[in-house]
Protein backbone atom coordinates (compact mmCIF):
# COMPACT_ATOMS: atom_id res chain seq x y z
CA MET A 1 15.69 -9.84 -27.89
CA ALA A 2 15.37 -13.66 -27.67
CA ASP A 3 11.54 -13.71 -27.31
CA SER A 4 10.20 -12.72 -30.79
CA LEU A 5 6.72 -11.84 -30.95
CA SER A 6 4.57 -14.00 -33.00
CA LYS A 7 2.01 -12.73 -35.62
CA SER A 8 -0.98 -12.99 -33.14
CA GLU A 9 1.06 -11.37 -30.47
CA LEU A 10 1.88 -8.39 -32.59
CA LEU A 11 -2.15 -7.95 -33.15
CA ARG A 12 -2.68 -8.39 -29.60
CA TYR A 13 -0.23 -5.87 -28.41
CA SER A 14 -0.72 -3.51 -31.50
CA ARG A 15 -1.70 -0.54 -29.28
CA HIS A 16 1.68 -0.86 -27.38
CA VAL A 17 3.77 -1.59 -30.42
CA LEU A 18 2.43 1.90 -31.85
CA LEU A 19 3.87 3.57 -28.93
CA PRO A 20 7.24 5.15 -29.53
CA GLU A 21 8.34 4.35 -25.84
CA VAL A 22 7.36 0.53 -26.26
CA GLY A 23 7.42 -0.65 -29.86
CA VAL A 24 8.31 -4.03 -30.81
CA GLU A 25 11.57 -4.12 -28.65
CA GLY A 26 9.72 -2.89 -25.68
CA GLN A 27 6.78 -5.29 -26.12
CA GLN A 28 9.65 -8.15 -26.35
CA ARG A 29 11.02 -6.87 -23.08
CA ILE A 30 7.58 -7.18 -21.23
CA LYS A 31 7.24 -10.74 -22.94
CA SER A 32 10.74 -11.42 -21.36
CA ALA A 33 9.98 -10.16 -17.94
CA ARG A 34 9.26 -12.46 -14.81
CA ILE A 35 6.90 -10.56 -12.28
CA LEU A 36 5.93 -11.83 -9.05
CA VAL A 37 2.46 -10.42 -7.53
CA VAL A 38 2.40 -11.16 -3.70
CA GLY A 39 -1.39 -11.24 -2.64
CA ALA A 40 -4.23 -12.23 -5.02
CA GLY A 41 -6.88 -9.70 -3.24
CA GLY A 42 -8.03 -6.33 -3.91
CA LEU A 43 -4.78 -4.88 -5.20
CA GLY A 44 -3.51 -8.01 -6.84
CA SER A 45 -6.69 -8.47 -8.87
CA PRO A 46 -6.22 -5.52 -11.24
CA ILE A 47 -2.55 -5.95 -11.06
CA VAL A 48 -2.52 -9.52 -12.48
CA LEU A 49 -5.31 -8.60 -14.81
CA TYR A 50 -3.43 -5.80 -16.44
CA LEU A 51 0.05 -7.28 -16.43
CA ALA A 52 -1.64 -10.30 -18.00
CA ALA A 53 -3.30 -8.29 -20.87
CA ALA A 54 -0.29 -6.22 -21.20
CA GLY A 55 1.73 -9.45 -22.21
CA VAL A 56 4.11 -10.00 -19.16
CA GLY A 57 5.57 -13.46 -20.04
CA THR A 58 5.67 -15.00 -16.55
CA ILE A 59 3.33 -13.89 -13.81
CA GLY A 60 3.85 -15.67 -10.50
CA ILE A 61 0.89 -15.33 -7.95
CA VAL A 62 1.40 -15.84 -4.24
CA ASP A 63 -1.65 -16.45 -1.92
CA PHE A 64 -2.85 -19.25 0.25
CA ASP A 65 -6.18 -17.65 0.94
CA LYS A 66 -9.76 -18.89 -0.49
CA VAL A 67 -12.24 -16.65 -2.30
CA ASP A 68 -14.83 -15.38 0.34
CA LEU A 69 -18.04 -13.38 -0.52
CA SER A 70 -16.76 -10.42 1.09
CA ASN A 71 -13.96 -10.46 -1.44
CA LEU A 72 -16.06 -9.89 -4.35
CA GLN A 73 -16.65 -6.01 -3.22
CA ARG A 74 -13.29 -5.15 -4.73
CA GLN A 75 -11.33 -8.41 -5.83
CA ILE A 76 -12.87 -8.23 -9.39
CA ILE A 77 -10.64 -10.95 -10.77
CA TYR A 78 -13.09 -13.45 -8.85
CA VAL A 79 -16.81 -14.12 -9.64
CA ASN A 80 -19.65 -15.41 -7.46
CA SER A 81 -19.13 -18.85 -8.39
CA ASP A 82 -15.37 -18.68 -7.17
CA VAL A 83 -16.27 -18.44 -3.47
CA GLY A 84 -14.57 -21.15 -1.52
CA SER A 85 -11.93 -21.84 -4.25
CA SER A 86 -8.23 -21.29 -4.00
CA LYS A 87 -7.73 -17.26 -4.92
CA VAL A 88 -4.29 -18.48 -6.64
CA GLU A 89 -6.12 -21.14 -8.87
CA ARG A 90 -9.02 -18.95 -9.83
CA ALA A 91 -6.87 -15.92 -10.51
CA SER A 92 -4.61 -17.92 -12.71
CA LYS A 93 -7.52 -19.16 -14.53
CA ARG A 94 -9.06 -15.98 -15.18
CA ALA A 95 -5.76 -14.19 -16.35
CA GLY A 96 -4.87 -17.12 -18.57
CA GLU A 97 -8.41 -16.87 -20.09
CA LEU A 98 -7.62 -13.15 -20.82
CA ASN A 99 -4.13 -14.01 -22.41
CA PRO A 100 -3.47 -17.43 -22.98
CA GLU A 101 -0.09 -16.57 -24.46
CA ILE A 102 1.63 -16.08 -21.28
CA ASN A 103 2.89 -18.21 -18.42
CA LEU A 104 0.99 -18.13 -15.11
CA VAL A 105 2.91 -19.81 -12.03
CA GLN A 106 0.79 -20.71 -8.99
CA HIS A 107 2.55 -20.41 -5.49
CA ASP A 108 -0.53 -21.52 -3.27
CA ILE A 109 1.67 -20.86 -0.13
CA LYS A 110 1.88 -18.42 2.92
CA LEU A 111 5.04 -16.23 2.19
CA SER A 112 7.57 -16.62 5.01
CA SER A 113 11.04 -16.07 5.98
CA GLU A 114 11.69 -19.85 4.81
CA ASN A 115 10.73 -19.38 1.15
CA ALA A 116 10.66 -15.65 0.38
CA ILE A 117 14.29 -15.44 -0.75
CA ASP A 118 14.24 -18.52 -3.12
CA LEU A 119 11.05 -17.60 -4.35
CA PHE A 120 11.91 -13.95 -5.25
CA ASN A 121 15.10 -15.09 -6.72
CA GLN A 122 13.03 -16.59 -9.58
CA TYR A 123 11.47 -13.13 -10.62
CA ASP A 124 12.77 -9.84 -12.08
CA LEU A 125 10.81 -7.64 -9.77
CA ILE A 126 7.83 -7.95 -7.10
CA VAL A 127 4.77 -6.20 -6.82
CA ASP A 128 3.17 -5.84 -3.34
CA GLY A 129 -0.53 -6.53 -3.10
CA THR A 130 -0.58 -7.62 0.55
CA ASP A 131 -3.04 -6.11 3.17
CA ASN A 132 -1.04 -6.54 6.45
CA PHE A 133 2.22 -5.45 7.91
CA ALA A 134 3.77 -8.54 8.79
CA THR A 135 3.70 -9.66 5.05
CA ARG A 136 4.60 -6.00 3.80
CA TYR A 137 7.86 -5.99 5.99
CA LEU A 138 8.62 -9.60 4.89
CA VAL A 139 8.31 -8.48 1.10
CA ASN A 140 10.23 -5.54 1.76
CA ASP A 141 13.11 -7.34 3.48
CA ALA A 142 13.23 -9.99 1.01
CA CYS A 143 13.46 -7.67 -1.88
CA VAL A 144 16.27 -5.55 -0.30
CA LEU A 145 18.15 -9.00 0.35
CA THR A 146 17.51 -10.30 -3.11
CA ASP A 147 17.95 -6.88 -4.77
CA LYS A 148 14.52 -6.94 -6.47
CA PRO A 149 12.43 -3.82 -7.02
CA ASN A 150 9.54 -3.53 -4.60
CA VAL A 151 6.38 -2.00 -6.25
CA TYR A 152 4.27 -1.19 -3.25
CA GLY A 153 0.73 -0.22 -2.68
CA SER A 154 -1.75 -0.02 0.18
CA ILE A 155 -5.49 1.12 0.55
CA TYR A 156 -7.55 1.66 3.58
CA ARG A 157 -11.29 3.25 3.58
CA PHE A 158 -11.03 6.12 1.15
CA GLU A 159 -7.60 6.53 1.01
CA GLY A 160 -4.39 4.81 -0.99
CA GLN A 161 -0.66 5.14 -1.33
CA ALA A 162 1.89 3.86 -3.76
CA SER A 163 5.49 3.83 -4.17
CA VAL A 164 8.48 2.01 -5.76
CA PHE A 165 11.35 0.68 -3.15
CA VAL A 166 14.50 -1.01 -3.48
CA HIS A 167 14.96 0.34 -7.17
CA ASP A 168 18.07 2.15 -8.77
CA GLY A 169 19.39 3.44 -5.36
CA GLY A 170 16.16 4.39 -4.01
CA PRO A 171 15.05 3.91 -0.45
CA CYS A 172 13.09 0.76 1.03
CA TYR A 173 9.85 0.67 2.97
CA ARG A 174 11.72 0.75 6.06
CA CYS A 175 13.57 3.92 5.22
CA ILE A 176 9.91 5.42 5.98
CA PHE A 177 8.68 2.99 8.32
CA PRO A 178 11.69 1.53 10.29
CA THR A 179 9.68 -1.00 12.19
CA PRO A 180 6.34 -2.76 12.27
CA PRO A 181 3.85 -1.00 14.44
CA PRO A 182 3.57 -2.27 18.08
CA GLN A 183 0.55 -4.73 18.88
CA ASP A 184 -2.97 -2.79 19.09
CA ALA A 185 -1.64 0.11 17.25
CA VAL A 186 -2.91 -0.92 13.55
CA PRO A 187 -6.38 -0.51 12.50
CA ASN A 188 -7.96 -3.78 11.64
CA CYS A 189 -8.60 -4.02 7.75
CA ALA A 190 -11.67 -5.97 7.76
CA GLU A 191 -13.23 -3.91 10.41
CA GLY A 192 -12.16 -0.50 9.06
CA GLY A 193 -13.46 -1.16 5.70
CA VAL A 194 -12.32 0.07 2.06
CA LEU A 195 -14.13 1.72 -0.71
CA GLY A 196 -13.72 -1.32 -3.32
CA VAL A 197 -12.69 1.01 -6.19
CA MET A 198 -9.66 2.21 -4.56
CA ALA A 199 -8.29 -1.32 -5.16
CA GLY A 200 -8.51 -0.70 -8.59
CA LEU A 201 -7.21 2.64 -8.82
CA ILE A 202 -4.02 1.85 -6.54
CA GLY A 203 -3.53 -1.51 -8.28
CA CYS A 204 -3.57 -0.04 -11.62
CA ILE A 205 -0.85 2.43 -10.60
CA GLN A 206 1.29 -0.42 -9.43
CA ALA A 207 0.91 -2.41 -12.61
CA THR A 208 1.82 0.82 -14.40
CA GLU A 209 4.90 1.10 -12.44
CA ALA A 210 5.96 -2.49 -12.91
CA LEU A 211 5.69 -2.03 -16.73
CA LYS A 212 7.69 1.32 -16.49
CA ILE A 213 10.39 -0.68 -14.78
CA VAL A 214 10.57 -3.38 -17.38
CA LEU A 215 10.42 -0.77 -20.13
CA ASN A 216 12.92 1.68 -18.32
CA LYS A 217 10.92 4.31 -19.40
CA GLY A 218 9.64 7.46 -17.70
CA GLU A 219 9.95 8.65 -13.98
CA THR A 220 9.03 5.88 -11.51
CA LEU A 221 7.79 6.46 -8.08
CA LYS A 222 11.17 5.90 -6.73
CA GLY A 223 12.07 8.21 -3.88
CA SER A 224 8.34 9.32 -3.60
CA LEU A 225 5.16 8.32 -1.69
CA LEU A 226 2.15 8.86 -3.54
CA LEU A 227 -1.12 9.43 -1.46
CA TYR A 228 -4.61 9.51 -2.82
CA ASP A 229 -7.72 10.82 -1.07
CA ALA A 230 -10.92 9.76 -3.05
CA LEU A 231 -13.19 11.77 -0.95
CA SER A 232 -11.45 14.98 -1.75
CA ILE A 233 -9.99 13.74 -5.40
CA LYS A 234 -6.66 14.78 -4.11
CA PHE A 235 -3.12 13.29 -4.92
CA ASP A 236 -0.19 14.35 -3.01
CA LYS A 237 3.51 13.14 -3.85
CA LEU A 238 5.98 13.37 -0.75
CA ARG A 239 9.45 13.07 -1.38
CA VAL A 240 11.09 10.03 0.34
CA PRO A 241 14.94 9.97 0.65
CA ARG A 242 16.93 6.92 1.23
CA ASP A 243 17.77 6.66 5.03
CA PRO A 244 21.55 6.00 5.43
CA ASP A 245 20.83 4.58 8.90
CA CYS A 246 18.01 2.26 7.54
CA LYS A 247 18.26 -1.23 9.50
CA ILE A 248 18.25 -3.12 6.13
CA CYS A 249 19.36 -0.94 3.24
CA GLY A 250 21.56 1.47 5.19
CA SER A 251 25.42 1.82 5.16
CA ASN A 252 25.67 -0.37 8.28
CA PRO A 253 22.50 -2.69 8.28
CA THR A 254 21.55 -4.49 11.53
CA ILE A 255 19.08 -6.88 9.58
CA THR A 256 21.00 -9.13 7.58
CA LYS A 257 18.86 -12.34 7.38
CA LEU A 258 15.02 -12.67 6.92
CA GLU A 259 12.74 -13.32 9.71
CA ASP A 260 9.02 -13.55 10.17
CA ILE A 261 7.36 -10.73 11.81
CA VAL A 262 4.27 -11.00 14.06
CA VAL A 263 1.83 -7.99 14.10
CA SER A 264 -1.58 -8.28 15.34
CA CYS A 265 -4.31 -6.68 13.36
CA SER A 266 -6.48 -4.62 15.83
CA THR A 267 -7.24 -1.06 16.29
CA LYS A 268 -6.38 1.86 18.77
CA THR A 269 -8.94 4.25 18.41
CA ILE A 270 -10.88 6.68 20.62
CA SER A 271 -14.55 7.73 20.14
CA ALA A 272 -15.69 11.22 20.15
CA SER A 273 -17.77 10.66 23.38
CA ASP A 274 -14.75 9.07 25.27
CA LEU A 275 -12.41 11.99 23.92
CA HIS A 276 -14.87 14.62 25.26
CA SER A 277 -14.89 12.99 28.73
CA GLN A 278 -11.29 12.89 28.76
CA ILE A 279 -10.92 16.63 27.96
CA LYS A 280 -13.72 17.55 30.67
CA SER A 281 -11.80 15.60 33.22
CA GLY A 282 -8.50 17.74 32.56
CA ASP A 283 -6.68 14.82 30.91
CA LYS A 284 -3.45 16.12 29.31
CA LEU A 285 -3.83 15.61 25.42
CA VAL A 286 -2.11 16.75 22.37
CA LEU A 287 -5.05 17.20 19.81
CA LEU A 288 -3.40 16.79 16.36
CA ASP A 289 -5.12 17.85 13.29
CA VAL A 290 -3.74 16.31 10.15
CA ARG A 291 -6.17 18.16 7.68
CA THR A 292 -5.38 20.88 5.43
CA PRO A 293 -5.24 24.52 6.62
CA GLU A 294 -8.29 25.21 4.34
CA GLU A 295 -10.30 22.57 6.29
CA VAL A 296 -9.19 23.90 9.58
CA ALA A 297 -10.56 27.26 8.74
CA ILE A 298 -13.94 25.74 8.39
CA CYS A 299 -14.05 23.89 11.60
CA ARG A 300 -11.71 22.60 14.48
CA LEU A 301 -11.13 21.35 17.90
CA GLU A 302 -10.46 23.95 20.47
CA ASN A 303 -6.58 23.89 21.43
CA SER A 304 -5.56 21.51 18.71
CA ILE A 305 -2.59 21.96 16.66
CA ASN A 306 -2.39 21.56 12.93
CA ILE A 307 0.20 19.55 10.98
CA PRO A 308 -1.21 18.30 7.46
CA ILE A 309 -0.43 14.84 6.77
CA VAL A 310 1.53 15.80 3.71
CA ASP A 311 3.99 17.68 6.08
CA LEU A 312 4.07 15.41 9.04
CA GLN A 313 7.01 13.25 8.43
CA ASP A 314 9.16 16.30 8.12
CA ARG A 315 7.65 17.89 11.21
CA LEU A 316 7.72 14.83 13.61
CA ASN A 317 10.30 16.85 15.77
CA GLU A 318 7.67 19.45 16.84
CA LEU A 319 5.90 16.60 18.80
CA ASP A 320 6.79 14.94 22.02
CA LYS A 321 6.99 11.11 21.73
CA GLN A 322 5.91 10.65 24.99
CA ALA A 323 2.86 12.76 24.75
CA ASN A 324 -0.65 11.46 24.93
CA ILE A 325 -1.52 12.03 21.29
CA VAL A 326 -5.01 11.91 19.34
CA VAL A 327 -4.91 12.63 15.83
CA TYR A 328 -7.95 13.79 13.78
CA CYS A 329 -8.84 14.45 10.37
CA LYS A 330 -12.35 14.92 8.65
CA SER A 331 -13.56 11.21 8.71
CA GLY A 332 -10.71 9.18 10.39
CA ALA A 333 -8.84 7.96 7.37
CA ARG A 334 -6.00 10.28 6.95
CA SER A 335 -5.61 10.32 10.76
CA ALA A 336 -5.33 6.63 10.70
CA LYS A 337 -2.50 6.80 8.46
CA ALA A 338 -0.95 9.52 10.43
CA ALA A 339 -1.43 7.56 13.80
CA GLU A 340 0.39 4.64 11.88
CA LEU A 341 3.53 6.99 10.90
CA LEU A 342 3.66 8.03 14.34
CA THR A 343 3.61 4.81 16.11
CA GLN A 344 6.30 3.47 13.68
CA ASP A 345 8.25 6.52 14.62
CA ALA A 346 8.29 5.37 18.44
CA PHE A 347 5.67 7.70 19.52
CA VAL A 348 4.21 6.00 22.92
CA HIS A 349 0.62 7.07 23.13
CA VAL A 350 -1.20 7.55 20.03
CA ARG A 351 -5.06 7.22 19.07
CA ASN A 352 -7.08 7.90 16.34
CA LEU A 353 -10.45 9.97 16.64
CA GLU A 354 -13.01 7.41 15.17
CA GLY A 355 -14.89 9.08 12.49
CA GLY A 356 -12.96 12.28 12.62
CA ILE A 357 -14.07 15.63 13.37
CA LEU A 358 -17.36 14.90 11.73
CA ALA A 359 -18.18 12.22 14.60
CA TRP A 360 -17.35 15.07 17.00
CA ILE A 361 -19.90 17.49 15.41
CA ARG A 362 -22.47 14.77 15.35
CA ASP A 363 -22.06 13.44 18.96
CA ILE A 364 -20.83 16.40 20.65
CA ASP A 365 -20.82 19.81 19.27
CA SER A 366 -23.41 20.46 16.57
CA SER A 367 -22.51 24.12 16.27
CA LEU A 368 -19.26 23.52 14.35
CA ASN A 369 -19.64 23.80 10.72
CA VAL A 370 -20.02 20.54 8.48
CA TYR A 371 -18.24 20.42 5.20
């Protein structure tokens, strides 16, 4: 390894060096690595901090936003006095204070089709800490076109997911979600809310996956989508095969250059009272329950069908893409993800029951069991 470790580095990283899977050689690999973190927000905060602490030699940070007071609930790299300051500048300062022996590169820009390719080519792998679909697809497409691993994560309310795309022959993000959701089909992140600690949990998983790729050790999330539900403290891992017909990484790609994607961040939901009115008026609806069979046994909406969210990807053929579908779960978080999946797979009329079956019990039918 060209980047040998100094005496102070051997001391700083001694707990890594003691690991047979890392050792001095592995720590040198970490020191030689160049990792780009896209987004210095909730996910980016733990990612940057842990990669810096681990000794990643060069960490690039991309963000053009400024710190807002509402960020501090989950973006732990910032403090109260940072409000109003550049995220990239403050995140770099904090990471540099944690580890002054690494190189931190500030990219205080908005990632776009004009700059992504050149930027990604400067790094070994990309960690996606973004919170919107437009940038998420841009990151994926740029990773495919530059052949850079994409360590993906996302959070919403009490749920999170993570994966590794474009790595060692594995799938890309479009293999799961071929096209961005249409306008008015995406829950608004700011309005929907998120439990702050979800950012730390999923961000740490992303940082772990990035280090495993650098070290070439262990089994990564390539070919899998990891799902976490904080309310039930439950992890699920779905198999995600590479799609040979994928628009960008398939055998005959139709996307051959980078383009900016415009997606509005709004929500398409239905309240319990509105759903009740539509059912009473005789509207033809498909009520899709994406909870587990155990939950369904406790309470359910009459005439609903149950396809657990972990099985939904493999059972989409059981649903009519032209049907008027209302998806529900316990509180609305899993069903939001399910509605997103359906919409991205060209289902035309999909809405999420706001507040889930708990809202239905509270507002419409209190005789159902609460759990």
